[in-house]
Amino acid sequence: MPPLRPTNSLGGERNLARRVEAERKAKEWSYQALANHMQQVGYPIQPSAIHKITSAGRRITLDEAIAYAQVFRIPLDELSLPLEVARSKELRSVWDQLQRNQADLIALHQERVEKEAPLHEREAALMQRIADMAKSNPELKNLLLDLLAESNEKYAHPMPVARFMKAFSVYEERADGEQS
């Protein structure tokens, strides 16, 4: 099972661009004025680059994001929140809970993956032993496939047959290569 990763669906970069534009407008600064403030905090940037960030979707570097946070005196994590969340205490509370829940979900998923790994290894080893037994006897192979299919119907879990077939096909590929 692949590790669960946070998605980028919350749009941190786009949120940051929207927030930069909102803060610039709230302060009634031109792009040139914002560029001057960026220069003062040690990050020279062209007004046209700011415009591209806020209106054309140009990517924002980490250094730029830090400089914007300094210019607007807003913590970087808050600057990257969706504009609606940043402006509402109630939404901010919900947002924070969502972030905690997401972190908990990722931790639980990772714990599950770690706990299941030894079981998957044991299952793969068992399937390989079964495939090794079946390699010398086609009747045994068919019998095992029938038993696994019956087991799958009973338990509604198709993976053992798929793993057996994979193990067996790997063996058959190796055997074909050795015979050549």
C-alpha atoms as a PDB file:
ATOM      1  CA  MET A   1       0.000   0.000   0.000  1.00  0.00           C
ATOM      2  CA  PRO A   2       1.599   3.314  -1.023  1.00  0.00           C
ATOM      3  CA  PRO A   3       2.195   5.910   1.673  1.00  0.00           C
ATOM      4  CA  LEU A   4      -0.538   8.470   2.066  1.00  0.00           C
ATOM      5  CA  ARG A   5       0.679  11.949   1.273  1.00  0.00           C
ATOM      6  CA  PRO A   6      -1.002  15.260   1.755  1.00  0.00           C
ATOM      7  CA  THR A   7      -2.431  16.558  -1.446  1.00  0.00           C
ATOM      8  CA  ASN A   8      -1.668  19.938  -2.903  1.00  0.00           C
ATOM      9  CA  SER A   9      -5.375  20.469  -3.444  1.00  0.00           C
ATOM     10  CA  LEU A  10      -5.524  23.256  -0.882  1.00  0.00           C
ATOM     11  CA  GLY A  11      -3.469  25.431  -3.232  1.00  0.00           C
ATOM     12  CA  GLY A  12      -0.940  27.024  -0.878  1.00  0.00           C
ATOM     13  CA  GLU A  13       0.912  28.807  -3.651  1.00  0.00           C
ATOM     14  CA  ARG A  14      -2.249  30.190  -5.220  1.00  0.00           C
ATOM     15  CA  ASN A  15      -3.481  31.191  -1.760  1.00  0.00           C
ATOM     16  CA  LEU A  16      -0.222  33.040  -1.182  1.00  0.00           C
ATOM     17  CA  ALA A  17      -0.555  34.898  -4.480  1.00  0.00           C
ATOM     18  CA  ARG A  18      -4.161  35.897  -3.678  1.00  0.00           C
ATOM     19  CA  ARG A  19      -3.110  37.048  -0.211  1.00  0.00           C
ATOM     20  CA  VAL A  20      -0.202  39.101  -1.553  1.00  0.00           C
ATOM     21  CA  GLU A  21      -2.580  40.840  -3.950  1.00  0.00           C
ATOM     22  CA  ALA A  22      -5.157  41.430  -1.196  1.00  0.00           C
ATOM     23  CA  GLU A  23      -2.548  42.857   1.176  1.00  0.00           C
ATOM     24  CA  ARG A  24      -1.069  45.045  -1.572  1.00  0.00           C
ATOM     25  CA  LYS A  25      -4.506  46.459  -2.366  1.00  0.00           C
ATOM     26  CA  ALA A  26      -5.415  46.898   1.324  1.00  0.00           C
ATOM     27  CA  LYS A  27      -2.297  49.010   1.773  1.00  0.00           C
ATOM     28  CA  GLU A  28      -3.072  50.827  -1.481  1.00  0.00           C
ATOM     29  CA  TRP A  29       0.391  50.030  -2.803  1.00  0.00           C
ATOM     30  CA  SER A  30       1.271  49.884  -6.475  1.00  0.00           C
ATOM     31  CA  TYR A  31       3.340  46.985  -7.759  1.00  0.00           C
ATOM     32  CA  GLN A  32       6.303  49.358  -7.721  1.00  0.00           C
ATOM     33  CA  ALA A  33       5.666  50.267  -4.069  1.00  0.00           C
ATOM     34  CA  LEU A  34       5.521  46.589  -3.098  1.00  0.00           C
ATOM     35  CA  ALA A  35       8.719  45.957  -5.065  1.00  0.00           C
ATOM     36  CA  ASN A  36      10.357  48.796  -3.105  1.00  0.00           C
ATOM     37  CA  HIS A  37       9.287  47.201   0.204  1.00  0.00           C
ATOM     38  CA  MET A  38      10.611  43.847  -0.983  1.00  0.00           C
ATOM     39  CA  GLN A  39      13.922  45.547  -1.772  1.00  0.00           C
ATOM     40  CA  GLN A  40      14.010  46.978   1.779  1.00  0.00           C
ATOM     41  CA  VAL A  41      13.746  43.493   3.334  1.00  0.00           C
ATOM     42  CA  GLY A  42      16.557  42.255   1.103  1.00  0.00           C
ATOM     43  CA  TYR A  43      14.655  40.696  -1.756  1.00  0.00           C
ATOM     44  CA  PRO A  44      14.821  42.724  -4.955  1.00  0.00           C
ATOM     45  CA  ILE A  45      12.010  41.880  -7.348  1.00  0.00           C
ATOM     46  CA  GLN A  46      10.600  43.590 -10.423  1.00  0.00           C
ATOM     47  CA  PRO A  47       7.049  44.991 -10.262  1.00  0.00           C
ATOM     48  CA  SER A  48       6.219  42.939 -13.353  1.00  0.00           C
ATOM     49  CA  ALA A  49       7.240  39.754 -11.499  1.00  0.00           C
ATOM     50  CA  ILE A  50       4.847  40.631  -8.655  1.00  0.00           C
ATOM     51  CA  HIS A  51       2.099  41.208 -11.201  1.00  0.00           C
ATOM     52  CA  LYS A  52       2.797  37.823 -12.820  1.00  0.00           C
ATOM     53  CA  ILE A  53       2.662  36.131  -9.415  1.00  0.00           C
ATOM     54  CA  THR A  54      -0.631  37.734  -8.425  1.00  0.00           C
ATOM     55  CA  SER A  55      -2.424  37.576 -11.748  1.00  0.00           C
ATOM     56  CA  ALA A  56      -0.766  35.117 -14.106  1.00  0.00           C
ATOM     57  CA  GLY A  57       0.052  32.239 -11.774  1.00  0.00           C
ATOM     58  CA  ARG A  58       3.844  32.561 -11.808  1.00  0.00           C
ATOM     59  CA  ARG A  59       5.410  30.230  -9.222  1.00  0.00           C
ATOM     60  CA  ILE A  60       6.550  31.775  -5.944  1.00  0.00           C
ATOM     61  CA  THR A  61       9.949  30.857  -4.575  1.00  0.00           C
ATOM     62  CA  LEU A  62      10.422  30.185  -0.884  1.00  0.00           C
ATOM     63  CA  ASP A  63      12.646  33.267  -0.580  1.00  0.00           C
ATOM     64  CA  GLU A  64       9.909  35.401  -2.144  1.00  0.00           C
ATOM     65  CA  ALA A  65       7.314  33.972   0.231  1.00  0.00           C
ATOM     66  CA  ILE A  66       9.527  34.741   3.233  1.00  0.00           C
ATOM     67  CA  ALA A  67      10.100  38.277   1.971  1.00  0.00           C
ATOM     68  CA  TYR A  68       6.347  38.840   1.498  1.00  0.00           C
ATOM     69  CA  ALA A  69       5.749  37.604   5.040  1.00  0.00           C
ATOM     70  CA  GLN A  70       8.319  40.106   6.307  1.00  0.00           C
ATOM     71  CA  VAL A  71       6.933  42.987   4.242  1.00  0.00           C
ATOM     72  CA  PHE A  72       3.358  42.386   5.400  1.00  0.00           C
ATOM     73  CA  ARG A  73       4.400  41.333   8.934  1.00  0.00           C
ATOM     74  CA  ILE A  74       2.311  38.181   8.655  1.00  0.00           C
ATOM     75  CA  PRO A  75       3.641  34.723   9.600  1.00  0.00           C
ATOM     76  CA  LEU A  76       4.395  32.669   6.492  1.00  0.00           C
ATOM     77  CA  ASP A  77       2.001  29.859   7.417  1.00  0.00           C
ATOM     78  CA  GLU A  78      -0.817  32.372   7.802  1.00  0.00           C
ATOM     79  CA  LEU A  79       0.114  34.169   4.586  1.00  0.00           C
ATOM     80  CA  SER A  80      -0.394  30.925   2.656  1.00  0.00           C
ATOM     81  CA  LEU A  81      -3.890  30.265   4.021  1.00  0.00           C
ATOM     82  CA  PRO A  82      -6.854  30.675   1.703  1.00  0.00           C
ATOM     83  CA  LEU A  83      -7.931  34.315   1.837  1.00  0.00           C
ATOM     84  CA  GLU A  84     -11.367  33.417   3.207  1.00  0.00           C
ATOM     85  CA  VAL A  85      -9.800  31.406   6.042  1.00  0.00           C
ATOM     86  CA  ALA A  86      -7.368  34.166   6.922  1.00  0.00           C
ATOM     87  CA  ARG A  87     -10.226  36.655   7.265  1.00  0.00           C
ATOM     88  CA  SER A  88     -12.538  34.504   9.433  1.00  0.00           C
ATOM     89  CA  LYS A  89     -11.768  33.285  12.957  1.00  0.00           C
ATOM     90  CA  GLU A  90     -14.432  30.597  12.616  1.00  0.00           C
ATOM     91  CA  LEU A  91     -13.010  29.310   9.333  1.00  0.00           C
ATOM     92  CA  ARG A  92      -9.501  29.485  10.783  1.00  0.00           C
ATOM     93  CA  SER A  93     -10.588  27.248  13.656  1.00  0.00           C
ATOM     94  CA  VAL A  94     -12.098  24.741  11.217  1.00  0.00           C
ATOM     95  CA  TRP A  95      -8.989  24.962   9.028  1.00  0.00           C
ATOM     96  CA  ASP A  96      -6.691  24.252  11.958  1.00  0.00           C
ATOM     97  CA  GLN A  97      -8.798  21.231  12.921  1.00  0.00           C
ATOM     98  CA  LEU A  98      -8.676  20.013   9.325  1.00  0.00           C
ATOM     99  CA  GLN A  99      -4.888  20.246   9.350  1.00  0.00           C
ATOM    100  CA  ARG A 100      -4.664  18.302  12.626  1.00  0.00           C
ATOM    101  CA  ASN A 101      -7.047  15.660  11.275  1.00  0.00           C
ATOM    102  CA  GLN A 102      -5.018  15.339   8.093  1.00  0.00           C
ATOM    103  CA  ALA A 103      -1.820  14.870  10.092  1.00  0.00           C
ATOM    104  CA  ASP A 104      -3.540  12.242  12.277  1.00  0.00           C
ATOM    105  CA  LEU A 105      -4.835  10.427   9.194  1.00  0.00           C
ATOM    106  CA  ILE A 106      -1.370  10.317   7.645  1.00  0.00           C
ATOM    107  CA  ALA A 107       0.112   8.993  10.897  1.00  0.00           C
ATOM    108  CA  LEU A 108      -2.587   6.299  11.189  1.00  0.00           C
ATOM    109  CA  HIS A 109      -2.097   5.269   7.575  1.00  0.00           C
ATOM    110  CA  GLN A 110       1.666   4.991   8.058  1.00  0.00           C
ATOM    111  CA  GLU A 111       1.143   2.928  11.212  1.00  0.00           C
ATOM    112  CA  ARG A 112      -1.185   0.594   9.292  1.00  0.00           C
ATOM    113  CA  VAL A 113       1.308   0.210   6.447  1.00  0.00           C
ATOM    114  CA  GLU A 114       4.088  -0.620   8.914  1.00  0.00           C
ATOM    115  CA  LYS A 115       1.929  -3.172  10.743  1.00  0.00           C
ATOM    116  CA  GLU A 116       0.786  -4.847   7.525  1.00  0.00           C
ATOM    117  CA  ALA A 117       4.238  -5.063   5.933  1.00  0.00           C
ATOM    118  CA  PRO A 118       5.304  -8.249   7.762  1.00  0.00           C
ATOM    119  CA  LEU A 119       1.955  -9.865   6.899  1.00  0.00           C
ATOM    120  CA  HIS A 120       2.398  -9.014   3.227  1.00  0.00           C
ATOM    121  CA  GLU A 121       5.920 -10.452   3.322  1.00  0.00           C
ATOM    122  CA  ARG A 122       4.682 -13.684   4.925  1.00  0.00           C
ATOM    123  CA  GLU A 123       1.840 -13.916   2.419  1.00  0.00           C
ATOM    124  CA  ALA A 124       4.233 -13.387  -0.503  1.00  0.00           C
ATOM    125  CA  ALA A 125       6.592 -16.057   0.846  1.00  0.00           C
ATOM    126  CA  LEU A 126       3.677 -18.489   1.240  1.00  0.00           C
ATOM    127  CA  MET A 127       2.441 -17.767  -2.277  1.00  0.00           C
ATOM    128  CA  GLN A 128       5.956 -18.330  -3.589  1.00  0.00           C
ATOM    129  CA  ARG A 129       6.200 -21.695  -1.797  1.00  0.00           C
ATOM    130  CA  ILE A 130       2.827 -22.697  -3.268  1.00  0.00           C
ATOM    131  CA  ALA A 131       3.968 -21.638  -6.741  1.00  0.00           C
ATOM    132  CA  ASP A 132       7.202 -23.591  -6.295  1.00  0.00           C
ATOM    133  CA  MET A 133       5.210 -26.716  -5.393  1.00  0.00           C
ATOM    134  CA  ALA A 134       2.909 -26.244  -8.364  1.00  0.00           C
ATOM    135  CA  LYS A 135       5.712 -25.733 -10.876  1.00  0.00           C
ATOM    136  CA  SER A 136       6.436 -29.437 -11.144  1.00  0.00           C
ATOM    137  CA  ASN A 137       2.837 -30.622 -11.230  1.00  0.00           C
ATOM    138  CA  PRO A 138       0.213 -29.054 -13.528  1.00  0.00           C
ATOM    139  CA  GLU A 139      -2.570 -30.971 -11.755  1.00  0.00           C
ATOM    140  CA  LEU A 140      -1.456 -29.528  -8.428  1.00  0.00           C
ATOM    141  CA  LYS A 141      -1.367 -26.062 -10.005  1.00  0.00           C
ATOM    142  CA  ASN A 142      -4.974 -26.417 -11.198  1.00  0.00           C
ATOM    143  CA  LEU A 143      -6.073 -27.804  -7.837  1.00  0.00           C
ATOM    144  CA  LEU A 144      -4.425 -24.898  -6.010  1.00  0.00           C
ATOM    145  CA  LEU A 145      -6.034 -22.381  -8.361  1.00  0.00           C
ATOM    146  CA  ASP A 146      -9.432 -23.964  -7.724  1.00  0.00           C
ATOM    147  CA  LEU A 147      -8.880 -23.886  -3.949  1.00  0.00           C
ATOM    148  CA  LEU A 148      -7.755 -20.268  -4.038  1.00  0.00           C
ATOM    149  CA  ALA A 149     -10.711 -19.291  -6.232  1.00  0.00           C
ATOM    150  CA  GLU A 150     -13.081 -21.027  -3.808  1.00  0.00           C
ATOM    151  CA  SER A 151     -11.391 -19.238  -0.920  1.00  0.00           C
ATOM    152  CA  ASN A 152     -11.761 -15.912  -2.732  1.00  0.00           C
ATOM    153  CA  GLU A 153     -15.465 -16.494  -3.258  1.00  0.00           C
ATOM    154  CA  LYS A 154     -15.884 -17.352   0.393  1.00  0.00           C
ATOM    155  CA  TYR A 155     -13.892 -14.412   1.736  1.00  0.00           C
ATOM    156  CA  ALA A 156     -14.443 -11.943  -1.141  1.00  0.00           C
ATOM    157  CA  HIS A 157     -10.746 -11.135  -1.351  1.00  0.00           C
ATOM    158  CA  PRO A 158      -9.173 -11.732  -4.795  1.00  0.00           C
ATOM    159  CA  MET A 159      -5.576 -10.921  -3.900  1.00  0.00           C
ATOM    160  CA  PRO A 160      -4.296 -14.441  -3.041  1.00  0.00           C
ATOM    161  CA  VAL A 161      -5.072 -15.750  -6.549  1.00  0.00           C
ATOM    162  CA  ALA A 162      -3.461 -12.663  -8.101  1.00  0.00           C
ATOM    163  CA  ARG A 163      -0.363 -13.070  -5.932  1.00  0.00           C
ATOM    164  CA  PHE A 164      -0.169 -16.790  -6.647  1.00  0.00           C
ATOM    165  CA  MET A 165      -0.444 -16.192 -10.377  1.00  0.00           C
ATOM    166  CA  LYS A 166       2.196 -13.490 -10.178  1.00  0.00           C
ATOM    167  CA  ALA A 167       4.538 -15.750  -8.224  1.00  0.00           C
ATOM    168  CA  PHE A 168       3.888 -18.612 -10.628  1.00  0.00           C
ATOM    169  CA  SER A 169       4.350 -16.465 -13.736  1.00  0.00           C
ATOM    170  CA  VAL A 170       7.652 -15.143 -12.358  1.00  0.00           C
ATOM    171  CA  TYR A 171       8.749 -18.731 -11.865  1.00  0.00           C
ATOM    172  CA  GLU A 172       7.629 -19.686 -15.379  1.00  0.00           C
ATOM    173  CA  GLU A 173       9.554 -16.712 -16.840  1.00  0.00           C
ATOM    174  CA  ARG A 174      12.689 -17.807 -14.960  1.00  0.00           C
ATOM    175  CA  ALA A 175      12.222 -21.425 -16.066  1.00  0.00           C
ATOM    176  CA  ASP A 176      11.742 -20.352 -19.699  1.00  0.00           C
ATOM    177  CA  GLY A 177      14.922 -18.270 -19.506  1.00  0.00           C
ATOM    178  CA  GLU A 178      16.914 -21.190 -18.079  1.00  0.00           C
ATOM    179  CA  GLN A 179      15.706 -23.574 -20.789  1.00  0.00           C
ATOM    180  CA  SER A 180      16.847 -21.260 -23.606  1.00  0.00           C
END
